[in-house]
């Protein structure tokens, strides 16, 4: 719900951005005021105060992040929204750590911007002023809307050490996100320990997690320190937590609830301060209902949830990821980096990647070795990629050709494009809305439109509810 009457100050050295935002805010019955520089903004701030501030991140005299820090030192209750052309993880984390209420990656939807301003004003709370330096994080590539949500989650959690549950299909990069959560947290200088619980036999996993005393069982010739003790003060990442046995689930629950445990064969409780980040490809909610996972442990782990999208739902990132991992593979192998031809890139975009990013990484390594030239062409691709690319392209274009021939043969009265284009747009809009579960803003991004354009098209084409 948009709140009318709000005073909104916009700081951006780009006159066109200021004008567009000013018109959108006025149309929503808000009261905008625009500034071309931070010095103009702070001069006006001495006389009166706005309800919300919207600032670009890059300006000649002061960055948007510096502006927010200076603003909140004097006026900590004024929410600020950052506009950035750099929609990567580091920018998202930096925005939240500077005290921003939210950040908007360019290009942004005006309806979304207005709604965000209204929400910022309605949730005005005094932010924590003490800032934490941004820890260096291994870059995660992701300009797709679904990955922007992941970046925002990491940014929001950058001041916290709470338990997080990461969900997503196998191969989507859950450990990479777990590392980013650690490296952008108050525990960034402490240890990060990763353990795939499904890769260790259940009878050995207890000792791996909690350690054991000498003589605790046959073969225990000396004391062993477990992963929880190793992670004391830092972060323990438990991958594939859904495969853990019932007995170990009970022990893990005790550690999360009380912060202490016993080594196998031990008599003295050991206290630890460990942040647990768990991950699974399973639906733990269904596992709880089926009696395969403890409900109380599920709620302990599910304090915050971050969902990683499969690669087929973030096709905008596929070519960038491929280029990154081709360069990485070349560096690892000590050879010249290879590039993707336009034809090969099209096949990459068409393929559904059932193995997700892990499959893409392995293919990039393979092609670095097997592709004959410096440029990877369609002929270099394995069968599953080359076949699906050509098949998918020819299937729909062949059908279109047959339809057009048939219309010409029967002397269609209406011009062909006037008949074809509405059907084409209607089909794509319905698929995008289905993918986005009816959320128009998300569907518009999938189509490469703004929300206003999508709304107009839905009305023009007569697309009815539930959309």
Foldseek 3Di string as FASTA:
>chain_A
DFDAAFEEEEEALDPVVVVVLCVLNVVSNYHYDYDNDLVVVVVVVVPDDGLEYEYEQDHDPHGPLRSLLVCCVPVQQHAYEYEYCDLWLQVLQSCVLSPHPYYAHPPHFSVVVSVVRRVCSVPGDRDDNDGDDQFDADTDDAPAPLVSVLSNVLNVCLADLAFEEEEEAAQLCPVSSVRSSQRSYPLNVADEAEDAQVVDPQVCVLCQAAWAADPLDPPRNHTDHHPQVNQFSGEYEYEAVLPHAPVVLVQVLCCLVPQWHARRVGDDIDHGDYRYYYYHHDDVVVCVVVVSHPPSSVCRNVPDYRYRYFCLSRLVCQQVLLQVLQVVLCVVVVHDGAHEDPQLSLLSSQARPPNGSVVSNVQSNVCNPQPDDSYDHLVSDDPSSSVRSVCVVCVVVVVVVVVVVVCVVVVPPDDPCVVPVLVVVVVLLVVLCVVVVNDQQSSCVVVVHHSVVSVVSCVVSVPDPPD
